[in-house]
Amino acid sequence: LLQLATVYRSCDAVAVMAVDFGSEFMKVAIVKPGVPMEIALNKESRRKTPTLVSLHDGERLFSDPAMTTAVRYPKSAYRFLLHVIGQPFDSAAVRQYIERFPNSKVEVDDVRGTVR
């Protein structure tokens, strides 16, 4: 703790990054001393990044490339994963997810009993 306090004193400014991981989009904010909070831009120069994962032909895609793949191959795209991450496979949230997205392949992890 003393060492951390010494490092903090030697810094003139400290920047903070915050991640808002929503069910549909993700945003990253950066706060620096003397500068108003700003939302970071993604590589497509947008502030909102879709939270979508696509697994197709052995390739894992995120964000906009995953959305492009999801249009052609909807069974390989997974969206709104925040609702089912860590949930028991027999929970109401997982049942509702399967009903809403019948194209998504949802399997049970035999060891943990959660969604794989």
PDB file of N, CA and C in Angstrom:
ATOM      1  N   LEU A   1       0.831  -1.186   0.000  1.00  0.00           N
ATOM      2  CA  LEU A   1       0.000   0.000   0.000  1.00  0.00           C
ATOM      3  C   LEU A   1       0.878   1.253   0.000  1.00  0.00           C
ATOM      4  N   LEU A   2       1.941   1.229   0.777  1.00  0.00           N
ATOM      5  CA  LEU A   2       2.847   2.366   0.822  1.00  0.00           C
ATOM      6  C   LEU A   2       3.497   2.587  -0.538  1.00  0.00           C
ATOM      7  N   GLN A   3       3.849   1.501  -1.191  1.00  0.00           N
ATOM      8  CA  GLN A   3       4.461   1.600  -2.505  1.00  0.00           C
ATOM      9  C   GLN A   3       3.474   2.196  -3.513  1.00  0.00           C
ATOM     10  N   LEU A   4       2.211   1.808  -3.432  1.00  0.00           N
ATOM     11  CA  LEU A   4       1.189   2.353  -4.313  1.00  0.00           C
ATOM     12  C   LEU A   4       1.019   3.845  -4.080  1.00  0.00           C
ATOM     13  N   ALA A   5       1.036   4.279  -2.835  1.00  0.00           N
ATOM     14  CA  ALA A   5       0.903   5.696  -2.514  1.00  0.00           C
ATOM     15  C   ALA A   5       2.088   6.479  -3.074  1.00  0.00           C
ATOM     16  N   THR A   6       3.276   5.909  -3.064  1.00  0.00           N
ATOM     17  CA  THR A   6       4.448   6.580  -3.604  1.00  0.00           C
ATOM     18  C   THR A   6       4.328   6.727  -5.112  1.00  0.00           C
ATOM     19  N   VAL A   7       3.828   5.700  -5.777  1.00  0.00           N
ATOM     20  CA  VAL A   7       3.653   5.764  -7.229  1.00  0.00           C
ATOM     21  C   VAL A   7       2.605   6.806  -7.570  1.00  0.00           C
ATOM     22  N   TYR A   8       1.523   6.857  -6.815  1.00  0.00           N
ATOM     23  CA  TYR A   8       0.452   7.813  -7.076  1.00  0.00           C
ATOM     24  C   TYR A   8       0.949   9.250  -6.934  1.00  0.00           C
ATOM     25  N   ARG A   9       1.793   9.511  -5.966  1.00  0.00           N
ATOM     26  CA  ARG A   9       2.326  10.863  -5.768  1.00  0.00           C
ATOM     27  C   ARG A   9       3.232  11.280  -6.909  1.00  0.00           C
ATOM     28  N   SER A  10       3.920  10.326  -7.511  1.00  0.00           N
ATOM     29  CA  SER A  10       4.838  10.682  -8.584  1.00  0.00           C
ATOM     30  C   SER A  10       4.111  10.952  -9.902  1.00  0.00           C
ATOM     31  N   CYS A  11       2.859  10.569 -10.000  1.00  0.00           N
ATOM     32  CA  CYS A  11       2.080  10.821 -11.212  1.00  0.00           C
ATOM     33  C   CYS A  11       1.423  12.196 -11.128  1.00  0.00           C
ATOM     34  N   ASP A  12       1.481  12.933 -12.208  1.00  0.00           N
ATOM     35  CA  ASP A  12       0.809  14.230 -12.247  1.00  0.00           C
ATOM     36  C   ASP A  12      -0.688  14.068 -12.489  1.00  0.00           C
ATOM     37  N   ALA A  13      -1.041  13.063 -13.272  1.00  0.00           N
ATOM     38  CA  ALA A  13      -2.454  12.867 -13.612  1.00  0.00           C
ATOM     39  C   ALA A  13      -2.733  11.381 -13.777  1.00  0.00           C
ATOM     40  N   VAL A  14      -3.945  11.022 -13.473  1.00  0.00           N
ATOM     41  CA  VAL A  14      -4.370   9.634 -13.616  1.00  0.00           C
ATOM     42  C   VAL A  14      -5.625   9.611 -14.473  1.00  0.00           C
ATOM     43  N   ALA A  15      -5.650   8.771 -15.477  1.00  0.00           N
ATOM     44  CA  ALA A  15      -6.828   8.615 -16.327  1.00  0.00           C
ATOM     45  C   ALA A  15      -7.577   7.358 -15.886  1.00  0.00           C
ATOM     46  N   VAL A  16      -8.884   7.391 -16.046  1.00  0.00           N
ATOM     47  CA  VAL A  16      -9.733   6.268 -15.660  1.00  0.00           C
ATOM     48  C   VAL A  16     -10.540   5.828 -16.872  1.00  0.00           C
ATOM     49  N   MET A  17     -10.651   4.525 -17.052  1.00  0.00           N
ATOM     50  CA  MET A  17     -11.447   3.975 -18.135  1.00  0.00           C
ATOM     51  C   MET A  17     -12.610   3.199 -17.543  1.00  0.00           C
ATOM     52  N   ALA A  18     -13.798   3.390 -18.080  1.00  0.00           N
ATOM     53  CA  ALA A  18     -14.992   2.674 -17.628  1.00  0.00           C
ATOM     54  C   ALA A  18     -15.608   1.957 -18.821  1.00  0.00           C
ATOM     55  N   VAL A  19     -16.077   0.735 -18.605  1.00  0.00           N
ATOM     56  CA  VAL A  19     -16.702  -0.050 -19.663  1.00  0.00           C
ATOM     57  C   VAL A  19     -18.158  -0.290 -19.294  1.00  0.00           C
ATOM     58  N   ASP A  20     -19.052   0.074 -20.194  1.00  0.00           N
ATOM     59  CA  ASP A  20     -20.477  -0.184 -20.033  1.00  0.00           C
ATOM     60  C   ASP A  20     -20.826  -1.314 -20.984  1.00  0.00           C
ATOM     61  N   PHE A  21     -20.906  -2.528 -20.446  1.00  0.00           N
ATOM     62  CA  PHE A  21     -21.186  -3.707 -21.263  1.00  0.00           C
ATOM     63  C   PHE A  21     -22.676  -4.000 -21.165  1.00  0.00           C
ATOM     64  N   GLY A  22     -23.419  -3.491 -22.122  1.00  0.00           N
ATOM     65  CA  GLY A  22     -24.857  -3.696 -22.142  1.00  0.00           C
ATOM     66  C   GLY A  22     -25.212  -4.966 -22.887  1.00  0.00           C
ATOM     67  N   SER A  23     -26.491  -5.275 -22.934  1.00  0.00           N
ATOM     68  CA  SER A  23     -26.911  -6.503 -23.593  1.00  0.00           C
ATOM     69  C   SER A  23     -26.887  -6.385 -25.111  1.00  0.00           C
ATOM     70  N   GLU A  24     -26.978  -5.162 -25.633  1.00  0.00           N
ATOM     71  CA  GLU A  24     -26.971  -4.984 -27.075  1.00  0.00           C
ATOM     72  C   GLU A  24     -25.742  -4.220 -27.578  1.00  0.00           C
ATOM     73  N   PHE A  25     -25.291  -3.234 -26.814  1.00  0.00           N
ATOM     74  CA  PHE A  25     -24.129  -2.442 -27.207  1.00  0.00           C
ATOM     75  C   PHE A  25     -23.162  -2.286 -26.047  1.00  0.00           C
ATOM     76  N   MET A  26     -21.926  -1.917 -26.369  1.00  0.00           N
ATOM     77  CA  MET A  26     -20.889  -1.685 -25.382  1.00  0.00           C
ATOM     78  C   MET A  26     -20.288  -0.308 -25.645  1.00  0.00           C
ATOM     79  N   LYS A  27     -19.984   0.422 -24.580  1.00  0.00           N
ATOM     80  CA  LYS A  27     -19.333   1.723 -24.705  1.00  0.00           C
ATOM     81  C   LYS A  27     -18.154   1.778 -23.745  1.00  0.00           C
ATOM     82  N   VAL A  28     -17.127   2.513 -24.124  1.00  0.00           N
ATOM     83  CA  VAL A  28     -15.954   2.710 -23.280  1.00  0.00           C
ATOM     84  C   VAL A  28     -15.776   4.207 -23.066  1.00  0.00           C
ATOM     85  N   ALA A  29     -15.711   4.609 -21.802  1.00  0.00           N
ATOM     86  CA  ALA A  29     -15.533   6.026 -21.470  1.00  0.00           C
ATOM     87  C   ALA A  29     -14.159   6.231 -20.858  1.00  0.00           C
ATOM     88  N   ILE A  30     -13.574   7.395 -21.133  1.00  0.00           N
ATOM     89  CA  ILE A  30     -12.268   7.744 -20.586  1.00  0.00           C
ATOM     90  C   ILE A  30     -12.390   9.096 -19.889  1.00  0.00           C
ATOM     91  N   VAL A  31     -11.891   9.164 -18.668  1.00  0.00           N
ATOM     92  CA  VAL A  31     -11.914  10.404 -17.896  1.00  0.00           C
ATOM     93  C   VAL A  31     -10.472  10.752 -17.546  1.00  0.00           C
ATOM     94  N   LYS A  32     -10.062  11.967 -17.918  1.00  0.00           N
ATOM     95  CA  LYS A  32      -8.725  12.469 -17.612  1.00  0.00           C
ATOM     96  C   LYS A  32      -8.878  13.756 -16.809  1.00  0.00           C
ATOM     97  N   PRO A  33      -7.945  14.042 -15.939  1.00  0.00           N
ATOM     98  CA  PRO A  33      -8.032  15.284 -15.174  1.00  0.00           C
ATOM     99  C   PRO A  33      -8.051  16.505 -16.087  1.00  0.00           C
ATOM    100  N   GLY A  34      -9.001  17.397 -15.836  1.00  0.00           N
ATOM    101  CA  GLY A  34      -9.098  18.623 -16.610  1.00  0.00           C
ATOM    102  C   GLY A  34      -9.789  18.475 -17.948  1.00  0.00           C
ATOM    103  N   VAL A  35     -10.200  17.258 -18.303  1.00  0.00           N
ATOM    104  CA  VAL A  35     -10.864  17.009 -19.579  1.00  0.00           C
ATOM    105  C   VAL A  35     -12.219  16.376 -19.283  1.00  0.00           C
ATOM    106  N   PRO A  36     -13.281  16.829 -19.930  1.00  0.00           N
ATOM    107  CA  PRO A  36     -14.580  16.188 -19.700  1.00  0.00           C
ATOM    108  C   PRO A  36     -14.556  14.729 -20.146  1.00  0.00           C
ATOM    109  N   MET A  37     -15.463  13.954 -19.589  1.00  0.00           N
ATOM    110  CA  MET A  37     -15.534  12.538 -19.957  1.00  0.00           C
ATOM    111  C   MET A  37     -15.801  12.415 -21.451  1.00  0.00           C
ATOM    112  N   GLU A  38     -15.095  11.487 -22.089  1.00  0.00           N
ATOM    113  CA  GLU A  38     -15.316  11.254 -23.505  1.00  0.00           C
ATOM    114  C   GLU A  38     -15.555   9.769 -23.747  1.00  0.00           C
ATOM    115  N   ILE A  39     -16.408   9.474 -24.705  1.00  0.00           N
ATOM    116  CA  ILE A  39     -16.676   8.097 -25.105  1.00  0.00           C
ATOM    117  C   ILE A  39     -15.686   7.756 -26.211  1.00  0.00           C
ATOM    118  N   ALA A  40     -14.929   6.681 -26.014  1.00  0.00           N
ATOM    119  CA  ALA A  40     -13.913   6.282 -26.986  1.00  0.00           C
ATOM    120  C   ALA A  40     -14.570   5.764 -28.262  1.00  0.00           C
ATOM    121  N   LEU A  41     -13.924   6.010 -29.379  1.00  0.00           N
ATOM    122  CA  LEU A  41     -14.408   5.538 -30.669  1.00  0.00           C
ATOM    123  C   LEU A  41     -13.832   4.161 -30.959  1.00  0.00           C
ATOM    124  N   ASN A  42     -14.638   3.299 -31.592  1.00  0.00           N
ATOM    125  CA  ASN A  42     -14.118   1.996 -32.009  1.00  0.00           C
ATOM    126  C   ASN A  42     -13.440   2.140 -33.368  1.00  0.00           C
ATOM    127  N   LYS A  43     -13.000   1.052 -33.950  1.00  0.00           N
ATOM    128  CA  LYS A  43     -12.239   1.169 -35.198  1.00  0.00           C
ATOM    129  C   LYS A  43     -13.107   1.589 -36.381  1.00  0.00           C
ATOM    130  N   GLU A  44     -14.428   1.526 -36.231  1.00  0.00           N
ATOM    131  CA  GLU A  44     -15.341   2.023 -37.251  1.00  0.00           C
ATOM    132  C   GLU A  44     -15.722   3.483 -36.991  1.00  0.00           C
ATOM    133  N   SER A  45     -15.058   4.129 -36.026  1.00  0.00           N
ATOM    134  CA  SER A  45     -15.284   5.525 -35.635  1.00  0.00           C
ATOM    135  C   SER A  45     -16.690   5.762 -35.087  1.00  0.00           C
ATOM    136  N   ARG A  46     -17.188   4.790 -34.365  1.00  0.00           N
ATOM    137  CA  ARG A  46     -18.486   4.930 -33.698  1.00  0.00           C
ATOM    138  C   ARG A  46     -18.300   4.752 -32.204  1.00  0.00           C
ATOM    139  N   ARG A  47     -19.188   5.343 -31.443  1.00  0.00           N
ATOM    140  CA  ARG A  47     -19.087   5.261 -29.988  1.00  0.00           C
ATOM    141  C   ARG A  47     -19.726   4.003 -29.420  1.00  0.00           C
ATOM    142  N   LYS A  48     -20.727   3.463 -30.125  1.00  0.00           N
ATOM    143  CA  LYS A  48     -21.390   2.243 -29.676  1.00  0.00           C
ATOM    144  C   LYS A  48     -20.858   1.056 -30.460  1.00  0.00           C
ATOM    145  N   THR A  49     -20.482   0.001 -29.747  1.00  0.00           N
ATOM    146  CA  THR A  49     -19.986  -1.216 -30.374  1.00  0.00           C
ATOM    147  C   THR A  49     -20.975  -2.340 -30.092  1.00  0.00           C
ATOM    148  N   PRO A  50     -21.477  -3.003 -31.120  1.00  0.00           N
ATOM    149  CA  PRO A  50     -22.424  -4.097 -30.880  1.00  0.00           C
ATOM    150  C   PRO A  50     -21.770  -5.239 -30.105  1.00  0.00           C
ATOM    151  N   THR A  51     -22.503  -5.789 -29.146  1.00  0.00           N
ATOM    152  CA  THR A  51     -22.000  -6.950 -28.397  1.00  0.00           C
ATOM    153  C   THR A  51     -22.565  -8.196 -29.052  1.00  0.00           C
ATOM    154  N   LEU A  52     -21.891  -8.641 -30.065  1.00  0.00           N
ATOM    155  CA  LEU A  52     -22.316  -9.780 -30.865  1.00  0.00           C
ATOM    156  C   LEU A  52     -21.089 -10.635 -31.145  1.00  0.00           C
ATOM    157  N   VAL A  53     -21.255 -11.950 -31.054  1.00  0.00           N
ATOM    158  CA  VAL A  53     -20.167 -12.887 -31.330  1.00  0.00           C
ATOM    159  C   VAL A  53     -20.650 -13.834 -32.416  1.00  0.00           C
ATOM    160  N   SER A  54     -19.799 -14.114 -33.382  1.00  0.00           N
ATOM    161  CA  SER A  54     -20.129 -15.053 -34.435  1.00  0.00           C
ATOM    162  C   SER A  54     -19.005 -16.070 -34.566  1.00  0.00           C
ATOM    163  N   LEU A  55     -19.371 -17.323 -34.648  1.00  0.00           N
ATOM    164  CA  LEU A  55     -18.408 -18.405 -34.827  1.00  0.00           C
ATOM    165  C   LEU A  55     -18.742 -19.095 -36.141  1.00  0.00           C
ATOM    166  N   HIS A  56     -17.883 -18.907 -37.145  1.00  0.00           N
ATOM    167  CA  HIS A  56     -18.162 -19.478 -38.461  1.00  0.00           C
ATOM    168  C   HIS A  56     -16.863 -19.888 -39.134  1.00  0.00           C
ATOM    169  N   ASP A  57     -16.835 -21.095 -39.681  1.00  0.00           N
ATOM    170  CA  ASP A  57     -15.662 -21.648 -40.375  1.00  0.00           C
ATOM    171  C   ASP A  57     -14.394 -21.567 -39.526  1.00  0.00           C
ATOM    172  N   GLY A  58     -14.507 -21.848 -38.235  1.00  0.00           N
ATOM    173  CA  GLY A  58     -13.353 -21.833 -37.346  1.00  0.00           C
ATOM    174  C   GLY A  58     -12.853 -20.444 -37.013  1.00  0.00           C
ATOM    175  N   GLU A  59     -13.603 -19.433 -37.345  1.00  0.00           N
ATOM    176  CA  GLU A  59     -13.199 -18.052 -37.091  1.00  0.00           C
ATOM    177  C   GLU A  59     -14.159 -17.426 -36.088  1.00  0.00           C
ATOM    178  N   ARG A  60     -13.624 -16.687 -35.135  1.00  0.00           N
ATOM    179  CA  ARG A  60     -14.417 -16.003 -34.114  1.00  0.00           C
ATOM    180  C   ARG A  60     -14.410 -14.511 -34.423  1.00  0.00           C
ATOM    181  N   LEU A  61     -15.605 -13.965 -34.603  1.00  0.00           N
ATOM    182  CA  LEU A  61     -15.727 -12.555 -34.944  1.00  0.00           C
ATOM    183  C   LEU A  61     -16.518 -11.823 -33.871  1.00  0.00           C
ATOM    184  N   PHE A  62     -16.188 -10.553 -33.670  1.00  0.00           N
ATOM    185  CA  PHE A  62     -16.866  -9.710 -32.705  1.00  0.00           C
ATOM    186  C   PHE A  62     -17.387  -8.466 -33.399  1.00  0.00           C
ATOM    187  N   SER A  63     -18.386  -7.843 -32.821  1.00  0.00           N
ATOM    188  CA  SER A  63     -18.866  -6.526 -33.222  1.00  0.00           C
ATOM    189  C   SER A  63     -19.392  -6.508 -34.651  1.00  0.00           C
ATOM    190  N   ASP A  64     -19.001  -5.516 -35.429  1.00  0.00           N
ATOM    191  CA  ASP A  64     -19.538  -5.330 -36.785  1.00  0.00           C
ATOM    192  C   ASP A  64     -19.224  -6.487 -37.737  1.00  0.00           C
ATOM    193  N   PRO A  65     -18.015  -7.038 -37.747  1.00  0.00           N
ATOM    194  CA  PRO A  65     -17.802  -8.211 -38.607  1.00  0.00           C
ATOM    195  C   PRO A  65     -18.721  -9.383 -38.234  1.00  0.00           C
ATOM    196  N   ALA A  66     -19.024  -9.518 -36.962  1.00  0.00           N
ATOM    197  CA  ALA A  66     -19.947 -10.577 -36.534  1.00  0.00           C
ATOM    198  C   ALA A  66     -21.365 -10.290 -37.024  1.00  0.00           C
ATOM    199  N   MET A  67     -21.752  -9.015 -37.052  1.00  0.00           N
ATOM    200  CA  MET A  67     -23.084  -8.663 -37.566  1.00  0.00           C
ATOM    201  C   MET A  67     -23.195  -8.981 -39.047  1.00  0.00           C
ATOM    202  N   THR A  68     -22.140  -8.747 -39.794  1.00  0.00           N
ATOM    203  CA  THR A  68     -22.139  -9.068 -41.215  1.00  0.00           C
ATOM    204  C   THR A  68     -22.309 -10.565 -41.426  1.00  0.00           C
ATOM    205  N   THR A  69     -21.598 -11.359 -40.642  1.00  0.00           N
ATOM    206  CA  THR A  69     -21.705 -12.808 -40.733  1.00  0.00           C
ATOM    207  C   THR A  69     -23.081 -13.282 -40.276  1.00  0.00           C
ATOM    208  N   ALA A  70     -23.665 -12.614 -39.289  1.00  0.00           N
ATOM    209  CA  ALA A  70     -24.969 -13.018 -38.745  1.00  0.00           C
ATOM    210  C   ALA A  70     -26.084 -12.895 -39.774  1.00  0.00           C
ATOM    211  N   VAL A  71     -25.946 -11.972 -40.708  1.00  0.00           N
ATOM    212  CA  VAL A  71     -26.970 -11.820 -41.739  1.00  0.00           C
ATOM    213  C   VAL A  71     -26.999 -13.041 -42.651  1.00  0.00           C
ATOM    214  N   ARG A  72     -25.834 -13.535 -43.004  1.00  0.00           N
ATOM    215  CA  ARG A  72     -25.759 -14.690 -43.914  1.00  0.00           C
ATOM    216  C   ARG A  72     -25.882 -16.019 -43.187  1.00  0.00           C
ATOM    217  N   TYR A  73     -25.385 -16.091 -41.955  1.00  0.00           N
ATOM    218  CA  TYR A  73     -25.389 -17.349 -41.198  1.00  0.00           C
ATOM    219  C   TYR A  73     -25.945 -17.103 -39.790  1.00  0.00           C
ATOM    220  N   PRO A  74     -27.256 -16.970 -39.661  1.00  0.00           N
ATOM    221  CA  PRO A  74     -27.829 -16.616 -38.350  1.00  0.00           C
ATOM    222  C   PRO A  74     -27.598 -17.672 -37.266  1.00  0.00           C
ATOM    223  N   LYS A  75     -27.390 -18.922 -37.646  1.00  0.00           N
ATOM    224  CA  LYS A  75     -27.165 -19.971 -36.639  1.00  0.00           C
ATOM    225  C   LYS A  75     -25.800 -19.870 -35.986  1.00  0.00           C
ATOM    226  N   SER A  76     -24.897 -19.107 -36.578  1.00  0.00           N
ATOM    227  CA  SER A  76     -23.555 -18.993 -36.010  1.00  0.00           C
ATOM    228  C   SER A  76     -23.366 -17.706 -35.212  1.00  0.00           C
ATOM    229  N   ALA A  77     -24.425 -16.905 -35.075  1.00  0.00           N
ATOM    230  CA  ALA A  77     -24.316 -15.617 -34.378  1.00  0.00           C
ATOM    231  C   ALA A  77     -25.003 -15.683 -33.020  1.00  0.00           C
ATOM    232  N   TYR A  78     -24.365 -15.080 -32.030  1.00  0.00           N
ATOM    233  CA  TYR A  78     -24.905 -15.057 -30.668  1.00  0.00           C
ATOM    234  C   TYR A  78     -24.966 -13.619 -30.194  1.00  0.00           C
ATOM    235  N   ARG A  79     -26.165 -13.180 -29.854  1.00  0.00           N
ATOM    236  CA  ARG A  79     -26.360 -11.823 -29.345  1.00  0.00           C
ATOM    237  C   ARG A  79     -27.087 -11.893 -28.015  1.00  0.00           C
ATOM    238  N   PHE A  80     -27.074 -10.820 -27.279  1.00  0.00           N
ATOM    239  CA  PHE A  80     -27.712 -10.733 -25.959  1.00  0.00           C
ATOM    240  C   PHE A  80     -27.178 -11.809 -25.005  1.00  0.00           C
ATOM    241  N   LEU A  81     -25.895 -12.098 -25.089  1.00  0.00           N
ATOM    242  CA  LEU A  81     -25.295 -13.140 -24.248  1.00  0.00           C
ATOM    243  C   LEU A  81     -25.245 -12.767 -22.778  1.00  0.00           C
ATOM    244  N   LEU A  82     -25.317 -11.484 -22.496  1.00  0.00           N
ATOM    245  CA  LEU A  82     -25.264 -11.029 -21.111  1.00  0.00           C
ATOM    246  C   LEU A  82     -26.387 -11.640 -20.278  1.00  0.00           C
ATOM    247  N   HIS A  83     -27.503 -11.972 -20.926  1.00  0.00           N
ATOM    248  CA  HIS A  83     -28.647 -12.538 -20.219  1.00  0.00           C
ATOM    249  C   HIS A  83     -28.424 -13.987 -19.789  1.00  0.00           C
ATOM    250  N   VAL A  84     -27.556 -14.720 -20.477  1.00  0.00           N
ATOM    251  CA  VAL A  84     -27.385 -16.142 -20.174  1.00  0.00           C
ATOM    252  C   VAL A  84     -26.019 -16.513 -19.613  1.00  0.00           C
ATOM    253  N   ILE A  85     -25.080 -15.585 -19.587  1.00  0.00           N
ATOM    254  CA  ILE A  85     -23.740 -15.890 -19.078  1.00  0.00           C
ATOM    255  C   ILE A  85     -23.830 -16.287 -17.606  1.00  0.00           C
ATOM    256  N   GLY A  86     -23.322 -17.455 -17.290  1.00  0.00           N
ATOM    257  CA  GLY A  86     -23.286 -17.933 -15.909  1.00  0.00           C
ATOM    258  C   GLY A  86     -24.607 -18.452 -15.375  1.00  0.00           C
ATOM    259  N   GLN A  87     -25.650 -18.439 -16.177  1.00  0.00           N
ATOM    260  CA  GLN A  87     -26.959 -18.919 -15.720  1.00  0.00           C
ATOM    261  C   GLN A  87     -27.013 -20.441 -15.779  1.00  0.00           C
ATOM    262  N   PRO A  88     -27.699 -21.076 -14.830  1.00  0.00           N
ATOM    263  CA  PRO A  88     -27.925 -22.520 -14.952  1.00  0.00           C
ATOM    264  C   PRO A  88     -28.726 -22.810 -16.217  1.00  0.00           C
ATOM    265  N   PHE A  89     -28.437 -23.922 -16.840  1.00  0.00           N
ATOM    266  CA  PHE A  89     -29.074 -24.231 -18.120  1.00  0.00           C
ATOM    267  C   PHE A  89     -30.593 -24.353 -17.995  1.00  0.00           C
ATOM    268  N   ASP A  90     -31.081 -24.767 -16.846  1.00  0.00           N
ATOM    269  CA  ASP A  90     -32.529 -24.941 -16.676  1.00  0.00           C
ATOM    270  C   ASP A  90     -33.224 -23.689 -16.131  1.00  0.00           C
ATOM    271  N   SER A  91     -32.563 -22.549 -16.146  1.00  0.00           N
ATOM    272  CA  SER A  91     -33.153 -21.315 -15.613  1.00  0.00           C
ATOM    273  C   SER A  91     -34.149 -20.718 -16.608  1.00  0.00           C
ATOM    274  N   ALA A  92     -35.000 -19.841 -16.097  1.00  0.00           N
ATOM    275  CA  ALA A  92     -36.008 -19.186 -16.928  1.00  0.00           C
ATOM    276  C   ALA A  92     -35.360 -18.279 -17.969  1.00  0.00           C
ATOM    277  N   ALA A  93     -34.250 -17.642 -17.624  1.00  0.00           N
ATOM    278  CA  ALA A  93     -33.566 -16.755 -18.569  1.00  0.00           C
ATOM    279  C   ALA A  93     -33.061 -17.519 -19.788  1.00  0.00           C
ATOM    280  N   VAL A  94     -32.529 -18.706 -19.579  1.00  0.00           N
ATOM    281  CA  VAL A  94     -32.016 -19.512 -20.685  1.00  0.00           C
ATOM    282  C   VAL A  94     -33.174 -20.015 -21.540  1.00  0.00           C
ATOM    283  N   ARG A  95     -34.263 -20.440 -20.920  1.00  0.00           N
ATOM    284  CA  ARG A  95     -35.441 -20.890 -21.682  1.00  0.00           C
ATOM    285  C   ARG A  95     -35.982 -19.755 -22.550  1.00  0.00           C
ATOM    286  N   GLN A  96     -36.039 -18.562 -21.980  1.00  0.00           N
ATOM    287  CA  GLN A  96     -36.531 -17.412 -22.722  1.00  0.00           C
ATOM    288  C   GLN A  96     -35.584 -17.061 -23.879  1.00  0.00           C
ATOM    289  N   TYR A  97     -34.275 -17.170 -23.651  1.00  0.00           N
ATOM    290  CA  TYR A  97     -33.296 -16.905 -24.700  1.00  0.00           C
ATOM    291  C   TYR A  97     -33.475 -17.891 -25.855  1.00  0.00           C
ATOM    292  N   ILE A  98     -33.675 -19.167 -25.534  1.00  0.00           N
ATOM    293  CA  ILE A  98     -33.851 -20.188 -26.572  1.00  0.00           C
ATOM    294  C   ILE A  98     -35.130 -19.926 -27.366  1.00  0.00           C
ATOM    295  N   GLU A  99     -36.183 -19.469 -26.694  1.00  0.00           N
ATOM    296  CA  GLU A  99     -37.434 -19.153 -27.388  1.00  0.00           C
ATOM    297  C   GLU A  99     -37.261 -17.947 -28.314  1.00  0.00           C
ATOM    298  N   ARG A 100     -36.561 -16.927 -27.857  1.00  0.00           N
ATOM    299  CA  ARG A 100     -36.380 -15.711 -28.656  1.00  0.00           C
ATOM    300  C   ARG A 100     -35.426 -15.912 -29.826  1.00  0.00           C
ATOM    301  N   PHE A 101     -34.410 -16.731 -29.622  1.00  0.00           N
ATOM    302  CA  PHE A 101     -33.395 -16.948 -30.653  1.00  0.00           C
ATOM    303  C   PHE A 101     -33.283 -18.438 -30.964  1.00  0.00           C
ATOM    304  N   PRO A 102     -34.268 -18.989 -31.675  1.00  0.00           N
ATOM    305  CA  PRO A 102     -34.248 -20.430 -31.950  1.00  0.00           C
ATOM    306  C   PRO A 102     -33.103 -20.861 -32.857  1.00  0.00           C
ATOM    307  N   ASN A 103     -32.529 -19.936 -33.618  1.00  0.00           N
ATOM    308  CA  ASN A 103     -31.403 -20.286 -34.493  1.00  0.00           C
ATOM    309  C   ASN A 103     -30.108 -20.491 -33.725  1.00  0.00           C
ATOM    310  N   SER A 104     -29.989 -19.895 -32.533  1.00  0.00           N
ATOM    311  CA  SER A 104     -28.756 -20.018 -31.754  1.00  0.00           C
ATOM    312  C   SER A 104     -28.633 -21.415 -31.170  1.00  0.00           C
ATOM    313  N   LYS A 105     -27.449 -21.953 -31.273  1.00  0.00           N
ATOM    314  CA  LYS A 105     -27.170 -23.287 -30.741  1.00  0.00           C
ATOM    315  C   LYS A 105     -26.724 -23.136 -29.286  1.00  0.00           C
ATOM    316  N   VAL A 106     -27.597 -23.493 -28.361  1.00  0.00           N
ATOM    317  CA  VAL A 106     -27.307 -23.355 -26.934  1.00  0.00           C
ATOM    318  C   VAL A 106     -27.197 -24.758 -26.348  1.00  0.00           C
ATOM    319  N   GLU A 107     -26.060 -25.045 -25.727  1.00  0.00           N
ATOM    320  CA  GLU A 107     -25.805 -26.371 -25.153  1.00  0.00           C
ATOM    321  C   GLU A 107     -25.473 -26.247 -23.678  1.00  0.00           C
ATOM    322  N   VAL A 108     -25.674 -27.338 -22.954  1.00  0.00           N
ATOM    323  CA  VAL A 108     -25.363 -27.355 -21.530  1.00  0.00           C
ATOM    324  C   VAL A 108     -23.927 -27.834 -21.330  1.00  0.00           C
ATOM    325  N   ASP A 109     -23.238 -27.220 -20.396  1.00  0.00           N
ATOM    326  CA  ASP A 109     -21.911 -27.661 -19.981  1.00  0.00           C
ATOM    327  C   ASP A 109     -22.120 -28.699 -18.893  1.00  0.00           C
ATOM    328  N   ASP A 110     -21.737 -29.938 -19.147  1.00  0.00           N
ATOM    329  CA  ASP A 110     -22.003 -31.035 -18.212  1.00  0.00           C
ATOM    330  C   ASP A 110     -21.292 -30.865 -16.877  1.00  0.00           C
ATOM    331  N   VAL A 111     -20.151 -30.200 -16.864  1.00  0.00           N
ATOM    332  CA  VAL A 111     -19.388 -30.046 -15.629  1.00  0.00           C
ATOM    333  C   VAL A 111     -20.011 -28.981 -14.720  1.00  0.00           C
ATOM    334  N   ARG A 112     -20.330 -27.823 -15.289  1.00  0.00           N
ATOM    335  CA  ARG A 112     -20.850 -26.708 -14.498  1.00  0.00           C
ATOM    336  C   ARG A 112     -22.362 -26.609 -14.480  1.00  0.00           C
ATOM    337  N   GLY A 113     -23.029 -27.209 -15.452  1.00  0.00           N
ATOM    338  CA  GLY A 113     -24.479 -27.122 -15.533  1.00  0.00           C
ATOM    339  C   GLY A 113     -24.963 -25.783 -16.058  1.00  0.00           C
ATOM    340  N   THR A 114     -24.071 -25.018 -16.689  1.00  0.00           N
ATOM    341  CA  THR A 114     -24.426 -23.717 -17.237  1.00  0.00           C
ATOM    342  C   THR A 114     -24.423 -23.794 -18.764  1.00  0.00           C
ATOM    343  N   VAL A 115     -24.694 -22.676 -19.409  1.00  0.00           N
ATOM    344  CA  VAL A 115     -24.683 -22.616 -20.856  1.00  0.00           C
ATOM    345  C   VAL A 115     -23.256 -22.685 -21.368  1.00  0.00           C
ATOM    346  N   ARG A 116     -23.068 -23.492 -22.402  1.00  0.00           N
ATOM    347  CA  ARG A 116     -21.744 -23.604 -23.017  1.00  0.00           C
ATOM    348  C   ARG A 116     -21.707 -22.763 -24.252  1.00  0.00           C
TER     349      ARG A 116
END
